[in-house]
Amino acid sequence: MNFHIITIFPKSFESYLSESILARAIKNKKIKIKFYNPRDFAKNRRVDYKPYGGGPGMVMKAEPVIKAVQKALGRKKKLARRGGGVKIIFLSPSGKRFDNALARKFSNNYKDIIIICGNYEGVDARVRKIFRAEEISIGDYILTGGALPAMVLVDVVSRQVKGVLGKEESLEENRVSSSEVYTRPEIIKYKNKNYKVPKVLLSGHHKKIEEWKRNK
């Protein structure tokens, strides 16, 4: 799986992508991530301007973003030889709610995903219209930029890629899991009170353990 991220803040991804499972997935070439900075395609590196119709804040101009997406799509012939389609995603709080089902769909149907990250008051809407990008939201709240939603999307989709988690059964959504998990020691003492692991988890009775997890 190849992710092409359009962002004016590529360095904001470094700490997250350089640690843990995603770092290992990149090292093992299970996923690839490439950044395209609209500033590199803008005159004097200026990517924002005042919105038409008035209002606070600034809007990211269409032209630098379009050129950045075109740069990613310029590899389309090479991408086509790998098989699989190219998906363009326009991150927006008003978009379709992102979930595991959508992540599986992206992973199964596309080899390359282009993610357009907005900042300030957002990206000129003509970018989405030109590329017929799918508008995606990670939740009913507003963030200060598109970097965090892009990282969430990369993380959730990457989990669906074979080999990223090491074992397919590591996918929580493919097995019975619980919001409550425990590990050693069996008893923790805090302020003169003992906190114990539920007995059923120590029983070795797999059917009862599965029932307990479902109930949780």
C-alpha atoms as a PDB file:
ATOM      1  CA  MET A   1       0.000   0.000   0.000  1.00  0.00           C
ATOM      2  CA  ASN A   2       1.314   3.425  -1.012  1.00  0.00           C
ATOM      3  CA  PHE A   3       0.172   6.650   0.638  1.00  0.00           C
ATOM      4  CA  HIS A   4       0.740  10.007  -1.090  1.00  0.00           C
ATOM      5  CA  ILE A   5       0.128  12.827   1.379  1.00  0.00           C
ATOM      6  CA  ILE A   6      -0.480  16.403   0.250  1.00  0.00           C
ATOM      7  CA  THR A   7       0.463  18.631   3.189  1.00  0.00           C
ATOM      8  CA  ILE A   8       2.239  21.874   3.976  1.00  0.00           C
ATOM      9  CA  PHE A   9       3.533  20.364   7.242  1.00  0.00           C
ATOM     10  CA  PRO A  10       5.246  17.071   6.310  1.00  0.00           C
ATOM     11  CA  LYS A  11       7.543  17.221   9.343  1.00  0.00           C
ATOM     12  CA  SER A  12       4.542  16.894  11.664  1.00  0.00           C
ATOM     13  CA  PHE A  13       4.281  13.232  10.580  1.00  0.00           C
ATOM     14  CA  GLU A  14       7.863  12.288  11.426  1.00  0.00           C
ATOM     15  CA  SER A  15       7.570  11.308  15.088  1.00  0.00           C
ATOM     16  CA  TYR A  16       4.495   9.135  14.576  1.00  0.00           C
ATOM     17  CA  LEU A  17       5.752   7.332  11.490  1.00  0.00           C
ATOM     18  CA  SER A  18       9.192   6.676  12.946  1.00  0.00           C
ATOM     19  CA  GLU A  19       7.931   4.578  15.856  1.00  0.00           C
ATOM     20  CA  SER A  20       6.277   1.238  16.541  1.00  0.00           C
ATOM     21  CA  ILE A  21       4.198  -0.757  14.047  1.00  0.00           C
ATOM     22  CA  LEU A  22       4.067   1.782  11.219  1.00  0.00           C
ATOM     23  CA  ALA A  23       7.828   2.288  11.339  1.00  0.00           C
ATOM     24  CA  ARG A  24       8.279  -1.475  11.060  1.00  0.00           C
ATOM     25  CA  ALA A  25       5.760  -1.647   8.200  1.00  0.00           C
ATOM     26  CA  ILE A  26       7.683   1.037   6.302  1.00  0.00           C
ATOM     27  CA  LYS A  27      11.001  -0.695   6.983  1.00  0.00           C
ATOM     28  CA  ASN A  28       9.585  -4.022   5.758  1.00  0.00           C
ATOM     29  CA  LYS A  29       8.106  -2.315   2.687  1.00  0.00           C
ATOM     30  CA  LYS A  30       4.539  -3.277   3.550  1.00  0.00           C
ATOM     31  CA  ILE A  31       3.572   0.371   3.156  1.00  0.00           C
ATOM     32  CA  LYS A  32       5.224   3.399   1.559  1.00  0.00           C
ATOM     33  CA  ILE A  33       4.568   7.036   2.368  1.00  0.00           C
ATOM     34  CA  LYS A  34       5.507   9.986   0.175  1.00  0.00           C
ATOM     35  CA  PHE A  35       4.863  13.674   0.850  1.00  0.00           C
ATOM     36  CA  TYR A  36       4.041  16.480  -1.573  1.00  0.00           C
ATOM     37  CA  ASN A  37       4.223  20.015  -0.187  1.00  0.00           C
ATOM     38  CA  PRO A  38       1.981  22.545  -1.989  1.00  0.00           C
ATOM     39  CA  ARG A  39       4.479  25.261  -1.008  1.00  0.00           C
ATOM     40  CA  ASP A  40       6.909  23.716  -3.507  1.00  0.00           C
ATOM     41  CA  PHE A  41       4.394  24.477  -6.275  1.00  0.00           C
ATOM     42  CA  ALA A  42       3.427  28.005  -5.185  1.00  0.00           C
ATOM     43  CA  LYS A  43       4.864  31.367  -6.175  1.00  0.00           C
ATOM     44  CA  ASN A  44       6.931  32.656  -3.255  1.00  0.00           C
ATOM     45  CA  ARG A  45       5.695  29.536  -1.393  1.00  0.00           C
ATOM     46  CA  ARG A  46       2.434  31.377  -0.604  1.00  0.00           C
ATOM     47  CA  VAL A  47      -0.397  28.848  -0.380  1.00  0.00           C
ATOM     48  CA  ASP A  48      -3.226  30.763   1.317  1.00  0.00           C
ATOM     49  CA  TYR A  49      -5.410  33.813   0.704  1.00  0.00           C
ATOM     50  CA  LYS A  50      -8.496  35.532   2.099  1.00  0.00           C
ATOM     51  CA  PRO A  51     -11.811  33.725   1.399  1.00  0.00           C
ATOM     52  CA  TYR A  52     -14.308  35.033  -1.137  1.00  0.00           C
ATOM     53  CA  GLY A  53     -17.457  36.208   0.617  1.00  0.00           C
ATOM     54  CA  GLY A  54     -15.546  37.364   3.668  1.00  0.00           C
ATOM     55  CA  GLY A  55     -15.056  35.656   6.988  1.00  0.00           C
ATOM     56  CA  PRO A  56     -12.146  34.989   9.328  1.00  0.00           C
ATOM     57  CA  GLY A  57      -9.014  33.035   8.544  1.00  0.00           C
ATOM     58  CA  MET A  58      -7.360  32.086   5.291  1.00  0.00           C
ATOM     59  CA  VAL A  59      -8.130  29.469   2.652  1.00  0.00           C
ATOM     60  CA  MET A  60      -5.565  27.254   0.943  1.00  0.00           C
ATOM     61  CA  LYS A  61      -5.358  28.200  -2.729  1.00  0.00           C
ATOM     62  CA  ALA A  62      -6.379  25.639  -5.318  1.00  0.00           C
ATOM     63  CA  GLU A  63      -3.452  25.895  -7.756  1.00  0.00           C
ATOM     64  CA  PRO A  64      -0.582  24.722  -5.486  1.00  0.00           C
ATOM     65  CA  VAL A  65      -2.681  21.833  -4.184  1.00  0.00           C
ATOM     66  CA  ILE A  66      -3.749  20.837  -7.703  1.00  0.00           C
ATOM     67  CA  LYS A  67      -0.122  20.801  -8.837  1.00  0.00           C
ATOM     68  CA  ALA A  68       0.871  18.691  -5.831  1.00  0.00           C
ATOM     69  CA  VAL A  69      -1.863  16.152  -6.610  1.00  0.00           C
ATOM     70  CA  GLN A  70      -0.810  16.168 -10.273  1.00  0.00           C
ATOM     71  CA  LYS A  71       2.734  15.394  -9.157  1.00  0.00           C
ATOM     72  CA  ALA A  72       1.447  12.360  -7.286  1.00  0.00           C
ATOM     73  CA  LEU A  73      -0.730  11.336 -10.213  1.00  0.00           C
ATOM     74  CA  GLY A  74       2.222  11.798 -12.578  1.00  0.00           C
ATOM     75  CA  ARG A  75       3.348   8.377 -11.424  1.00  0.00           C
ATOM     76  CA  LYS A  76       0.028   6.919 -12.541  1.00  0.00           C
ATOM     77  CA  LYS A  77       1.446   4.744 -15.344  1.00  0.00           C
ATOM     78  CA  LYS A  78       3.891   3.217 -12.910  1.00  0.00           C
ATOM     79  CA  LEU A  79       1.098   2.771 -10.381  1.00  0.00           C
ATOM     80  CA  ALA A  80      -1.083   1.054 -12.961  1.00  0.00           C
ATOM     81  CA  ARG A  81       1.631  -1.521 -13.655  1.00  0.00           C
ATOM     82  CA  ARG A  82       1.511  -2.491  -9.989  1.00  0.00           C
ATOM     83  CA  GLY A  83      -2.192  -3.211 -10.283  1.00  0.00           C
ATOM     84  CA  GLY A  84      -4.969  -1.670  -8.219  1.00  0.00           C
ATOM     85  CA  GLY A  85      -6.532   1.746  -8.490  1.00  0.00           C
ATOM     86  CA  VAL A  86      -5.741   5.195  -7.147  1.00  0.00           C
ATOM     87  CA  LYS A  87      -8.015   6.737  -4.513  1.00  0.00           C
ATOM     88  CA  ILE A  88      -8.022  10.481  -3.828  1.00  0.00           C
ATOM     89  CA  ILE A  89      -9.276  11.542  -0.400  1.00  0.00           C
ATOM     90  CA  PHE A  90     -10.209  15.088   0.594  1.00  0.00           C
ATOM     91  CA  LEU A  91     -10.116  15.383   4.380  1.00  0.00           C
ATOM     92  CA  SER A  92     -13.007  17.457   5.723  1.00  0.00           C
ATOM     93  CA  PRO A  93     -15.087  17.576   8.933  1.00  0.00           C
ATOM     94  CA  SER A  94     -18.224  17.470   6.765  1.00  0.00           C
ATOM     95  CA  GLY A  95     -17.189  14.317   4.882  1.00  0.00           C
ATOM     96  CA  LYS A  96     -18.279  10.693   5.139  1.00  0.00           C
ATOM     97  CA  ARG A  97     -17.484   9.165   8.523  1.00  0.00           C
ATOM     98  CA  PHE A  98     -14.328   7.053   8.391  1.00  0.00           C
ATOM     99  CA  ASP A  99     -14.518   3.596  10.000  1.00  0.00           C
ATOM    100  CA  ASN A 100     -13.013   0.105   9.800  1.00  0.00           C
ATOM    101  CA  ALA A 101     -15.367  -0.976   7.010  1.00  0.00           C
ATOM    102  CA  LEU A 102     -14.206   1.935   4.859  1.00  0.00           C
ATOM    103  CA  ALA A 103     -10.566   1.195   5.733  1.00  0.00           C
ATOM    104  CA  ARG A 104     -10.989  -2.401   4.543  1.00  0.00           C
ATOM    105  CA  LYS A 105     -12.601  -1.163   1.337  1.00  0.00           C
ATOM    106  CA  PHE A 106      -9.648   1.154   0.658  1.00  0.00           C
ATOM    107  CA  SER A 107      -7.129  -1.573   1.444  1.00  0.00           C
ATOM    108  CA  ASN A 108      -8.856  -4.169  -0.752  1.00  0.00           C
ATOM    109  CA  ASN A 109      -9.561  -1.934  -3.743  1.00  0.00           C
ATOM    110  CA  TYR A 110      -6.603   0.444  -4.010  1.00  0.00           C
ATOM    111  CA  LYS A 111      -2.823   0.202  -4.081  1.00  0.00           C
ATOM    112  CA  ASP A 112      -2.314   3.968  -3.950  1.00  0.00           C
ATOM    113  CA  ILE A 113      -4.149   6.504  -1.787  1.00  0.00           C
ATOM    114  CA  ILE A 114      -3.676  10.251  -2.202  1.00  0.00           C
ATOM    115  CA  ILE A 115      -4.665  12.215   0.921  1.00  0.00           C
ATOM    116  CA  ILE A 116      -5.260  15.966   0.668  1.00  0.00           C
ATOM    117  CA  CYS A 117      -4.682  17.661   4.043  1.00  0.00           C
ATOM    118  CA  GLY A 118      -6.283  21.025   4.676  1.00  0.00           C
ATOM    119  CA  ASN A 119      -5.150  23.780   7.019  1.00  0.00           C
ATOM    120  CA  TYR A 120      -6.378  27.191   8.114  1.00  0.00           C
ATOM    121  CA  GLU A 121     -10.050  27.531   7.008  1.00  0.00           C
ATOM    122  CA  GLY A 122      -9.693  24.625   4.583  1.00  0.00           C
ATOM    123  CA  VAL A 123      -8.824  24.015   0.936  1.00  0.00           C
ATOM    124  CA  ASP A 124     -10.512  25.722  -2.017  1.00  0.00           C
ATOM    125  CA  ALA A 125     -13.484  23.436  -2.797  1.00  0.00           C
ATOM    126  CA  ARG A 126     -12.605  23.331  -6.496  1.00  0.00           C
ATOM    127  CA  VAL A 127      -9.752  20.908  -5.697  1.00  0.00           C
ATOM    128  CA  ARG A 128     -12.248  18.293  -4.542  1.00  0.00           C
ATOM    129  CA  LYS A 129     -14.466  18.900  -7.578  1.00  0.00           C
ATOM    130  CA  ILE A 130     -11.629  18.729 -10.100  1.00  0.00           C
ATOM    131  CA  PHE A 131     -10.313  15.396  -8.848  1.00  0.00           C
ATOM    132  CA  ARG A 132     -13.704  14.026  -7.750  1.00  0.00           C
ATOM    133  CA  ALA A 133     -12.071  13.263  -4.439  1.00  0.00           C
ATOM    134  CA  GLU A 134     -14.032  11.441  -1.755  1.00  0.00           C
ATOM    135  CA  GLU A 135     -14.663  13.689   1.229  1.00  0.00           C
ATOM    136  CA  ILE A 136     -13.760  11.890   4.460  1.00  0.00           C
ATOM    137  CA  SER A 137     -14.109  12.889   8.135  1.00  0.00           C
ATOM    138  CA  ILE A 138     -12.622  11.046  11.116  1.00  0.00           C
ATOM    139  CA  GLY A 139     -15.201  12.433  13.566  1.00  0.00           C
ATOM    140  CA  ASP A 140     -17.640  15.122  14.601  1.00  0.00           C
ATOM    141  CA  TYR A 141     -15.117  17.693  15.725  1.00  0.00           C
ATOM    142  CA  ILE A 142     -12.835  20.328  14.249  1.00  0.00           C
ATOM    143  CA  LEU A 143      -9.030  20.027  14.261  1.00  0.00           C
ATOM    144  CA  THR A 144      -6.508  22.741  13.480  1.00  0.00           C
ATOM    145  CA  GLY A 145      -5.205  20.897  10.423  1.00  0.00           C
ATOM    146  CA  GLY A 146      -5.280  17.762   8.314  1.00  0.00           C
ATOM    147  CA  ALA A 147      -2.134  16.073   9.647  1.00  0.00           C
ATOM    148  CA  LEU A 148      -3.816  14.206  12.506  1.00  0.00           C
ATOM    149  CA  PRO A 149      -6.739  12.917  10.384  1.00  0.00           C
ATOM    150  CA  ALA A 150      -4.249  11.804   7.724  1.00  0.00           C
ATOM    151  CA  MET A 151      -2.223   9.889  10.323  1.00  0.00           C
ATOM    152  CA  VAL A 152      -5.400   8.252  11.622  1.00  0.00           C
ATOM    153  CA  LEU A 153      -6.370   7.215   8.099  1.00  0.00           C
ATOM    154  CA  VAL A 154      -2.881   5.854   7.326  1.00  0.00           C
ATOM    155  CA  ASP A 155      -2.829   3.922  10.602  1.00  0.00           C
ATOM    156  CA  VAL A 156      -6.284   2.343  10.239  1.00  0.00           C
ATOM    157  CA  VAL A 157      -5.845   1.419   6.555  1.00  0.00           C
ATOM    158  CA  SER A 158      -2.318   0.082   7.159  1.00  0.00           C
ATOM    159  CA  ARG A 159      -3.652  -2.303   9.796  1.00  0.00           C
ATOM    160  CA  GLN A 160      -5.677  -3.967   7.025  1.00  0.00           C
ATOM    161  CA  VAL A 161      -2.578  -4.599   4.894  1.00  0.00           C
ATOM    162  CA  LYS A 162      -1.356  -8.182   5.137  1.00  0.00           C
ATOM    163  CA  GLY A 163       1.830  -8.475   7.157  1.00  0.00           C
ATOM    164  CA  VAL A 164       1.669  -5.072   8.856  1.00  0.00           C
ATOM    165  CA  LEU A 165       0.517  -6.507  12.195  1.00  0.00           C
ATOM    166  CA  GLY A 166       2.561  -9.661  11.789  1.00  0.00           C
ATOM    167  CA  LYS A 167      -0.393 -11.991  12.362  1.00  0.00           C
ATOM    168  CA  GLU A 168      -3.855 -11.620  10.838  1.00  0.00           C
ATOM    169  CA  GLU A 169      -5.464 -12.587  14.154  1.00  0.00           C
ATOM    170  CA  SER A 170      -3.904  -9.461  15.670  1.00  0.00           C
ATOM    171  CA  LEU A 171      -6.716  -7.476  14.060  1.00  0.00           C
ATOM    172  CA  GLU A 172      -9.059  -6.759  16.993  1.00  0.00           C
ATOM    173  CA  GLU A 173     -11.982  -6.328  14.591  1.00  0.00           C
ATOM    174  CA  ASN A 174     -11.553  -9.931  13.368  1.00  0.00           C
ATOM    175  CA  ARG A 175     -11.789 -11.530  16.806  1.00  0.00           C
ATOM    176  CA  VAL A 176     -13.696 -11.214  20.047  1.00  0.00           C
ATOM    177  CA  SER A 177     -12.014  -8.477  22.033  1.00  0.00           C
ATOM    178  CA  SER A 178     -12.882  -6.509  25.137  1.00  0.00           C
ATOM    179  CA  SER A 179     -12.502  -2.953  26.322  1.00  0.00           C
ATOM    180  CA  GLU A 180     -11.010  -4.471  29.492  1.00  0.00           C
ATOM    181  CA  VAL A 181      -7.610  -6.153  29.238  1.00  0.00           C
ATOM    182  CA  TYR A 182      -5.248  -7.391  31.932  1.00  0.00           C
ATOM    183  CA  THR A 183      -1.681  -8.674  32.312  1.00  0.00           C
ATOM    184  CA  ARG A 184       0.710  -9.579  35.134  1.00  0.00           C
ATOM    185  CA  PRO A 185       0.803  -9.238  38.072  1.00  0.00           C
ATOM    186  CA  GLU A 186      -2.420 -11.002  39.043  1.00  0.00           C
ATOM    187  CA  ILE A 187      -2.990  -8.687  42.027  1.00  0.00           C
ATOM    188  CA  ILE A 188      -2.136  -4.977  42.289  1.00  0.00           C
ATOM    189  CA  LYS A 189      -2.308  -3.281  45.687  1.00  0.00           C
ATOM    190  CA  TYR A 190      -3.114   0.431  45.701  1.00  0.00           C
ATOM    191  CA  LYS A 191      -3.937   2.418  48.851  1.00  0.00           C
ATOM    192  CA  ASN A 192      -4.540  -0.727  50.891  1.00  0.00           C
ATOM    193  CA  LYS A 193      -6.966  -2.148  48.339  1.00  0.00           C
ATOM    194  CA  ASN A 194      -6.366  -5.186  46.156  1.00  0.00           C
ATOM    195  CA  TYR A 195      -7.232  -4.996  42.458  1.00  0.00           C
ATOM    196  CA  LYS A 196      -7.464  -8.487  40.961  1.00  0.00           C
ATOM    197  CA  VAL A 197      -7.637  -9.938  37.483  1.00  0.00           C
ATOM    198  CA  PRO A 198     -11.150 -11.361  36.878  1.00  0.00           C
ATOM    199  CA  LYS A 199     -11.185 -15.059  37.807  1.00  0.00           C
ATOM    200  CA  VAL A 200     -12.649 -16.120  34.461  1.00  0.00           C
ATOM    201  CA  LEU A 201      -9.500 -14.927  32.650  1.00  0.00           C
ATOM    202  CA  LEU A 202      -7.411 -17.209  34.854  1.00  0.00           C
ATOM    203  CA  SER A 203      -9.694 -20.217  34.429  1.00  0.00           C
ATOM    204  CA  GLY A 204      -8.389 -21.493  31.096  1.00  0.00           C
ATOM    205  CA  HIS A 205     -12.042 -22.066  30.084  1.00  0.00           C
ATOM    206  CA  HIS A 206     -12.012 -20.627  26.556  1.00  0.00           C
ATOM    207  CA  LYS A 207     -15.784 -20.618  26.040  1.00  0.00           C
ATOM    208  CA  LYS A 208     -16.411 -18.719  29.281  1.00  0.00           C
ATOM    209  CA  ILE A 209     -13.595 -16.296  28.466  1.00  0.00           C
ATOM    210  CA  GLU A 210     -15.114 -15.585  25.038  1.00  0.00           C
ATOM    211  CA  GLU A 211     -18.526 -15.012  26.654  1.00  0.00           C
ATOM    212  CA  TRP A 212     -16.958 -12.621  29.183  1.00  0.00           C
ATOM    213  CA  LYS A 213     -15.311 -10.655  26.365  1.00  0.00           C
ATOM    214  CA  ARG A 214     -18.591 -10.423  24.439  1.00  0.00           C
ATOM    215  CA  ASN A 215     -20.406  -9.156  27.529  1.00  0.00           C
ATOM    216  CA  LYS A 216     -17.766  -6.486  27.983  1.00  0.00           C
END
